[in-house]
């Protein structure tokens, strides 16, 4: 059976070399999104360090 999963960035077929992406370009775009807080994980809000001090 052929793996039909697509790149999560551009939806092109994945490349084995850059899995789960299709190219270095899409891999780098994903990294930039993570570094720029473009993604968020669900959870309770973090406590602000300034608020936590008494």
Protein backbone atom coordinates (compact mmCIF):
# COMPACT_ATOMS: atom_id res chain seq x y z
CA UNK A 1 0.00 0.00 0.00
CA UNK A 2 1.35 3.44 -0.95
CA UNK A 3 1.77 6.06 1.76
CA UNK A 4 -0.54 8.89 0.67
CA UNK A 5 0.11 11.19 3.61
CA UNK A 6 0.83 14.77 2.64
CA UNK A 7 3.08 17.52 3.90
CA UNK A 8 1.29 19.38 6.73
CA UNK A 9 2.50 22.75 5.36
CA UNK A 10 1.82 22.66 1.61
CA UNK A 11 -0.10 19.37 1.18
CA UNK A 12 2.35 17.98 -1.44
CA UNK A 13 3.48 14.33 -1.14
CA UNK A 14 5.97 13.75 1.68
CA UNK A 15 9.65 13.14 1.08
CA UNK A 16 11.39 10.35 3.02
CA UNK A 17 14.37 12.66 3.57
CA UNK A 18 12.27 15.44 5.19
CA UNK A 19 9.40 13.44 6.75
CA UNK A 20 6.79 14.55 7.65
CA UNK A 21 7.45 17.40 5.22
CA UNK A 22 8.04 17.43 1.47
CA UNK A 23 11.14 19.63 1.42
CA UNK A 24 13.67 21.53 3.52
CA UNK A 25 11.70 24.68 2.81
CA UNK A 26 8.52 23.35 4.46
CA UNK A 27 10.56 21.89 7.33
CA UNK A 28 12.12 25.32 7.93
CA UNK A 29 8.74 27.10 7.69
CA UNK A 30 7.40 24.81 10.43
CA UNK A 31 10.41 25.54 12.65
CA UNK A 32 9.92 29.30 12.22
CA UNK A 33 6.27 28.94 13.25
CA UNK A 34 7.32 27.15 16.45
CA UNK A 35 10.02 29.71 17.24
CA UNK A 36 7.66 32.64 16.61
CA UNK A 37 4.96 31.16 18.91
CA UNK A 38 2.76 30.43 15.91
CA UNK A 39 1.67 27.17 17.52
CA UNK A 40 0.20 26.71 20.97
CA UNK A 41 -0.41 23.63 23.06
CA UNK A 42 -3.64 23.50 25.05
CA UNK A 43 -3.34 23.85 28.79
CA UNK A 44 -3.77 26.11 31.74
CA UNK A 45 -2.31 29.62 31.39
CA UNK A 46 1.21 29.98 32.75
CA UNK A 47 1.65 32.06 35.88
CA UNK A 48 3.36 35.35 35.13
CA UNK A 49 6.58 35.54 37.18
CA UNK A 50 5.81 39.12 38.24
CA UNK A 51 2.34 38.15 39.52
CA UNK A 52 3.67 35.12 41.39
CA UNK A 53 5.98 37.24 43.57
CA UNK A 54 4.59 38.54 46.81
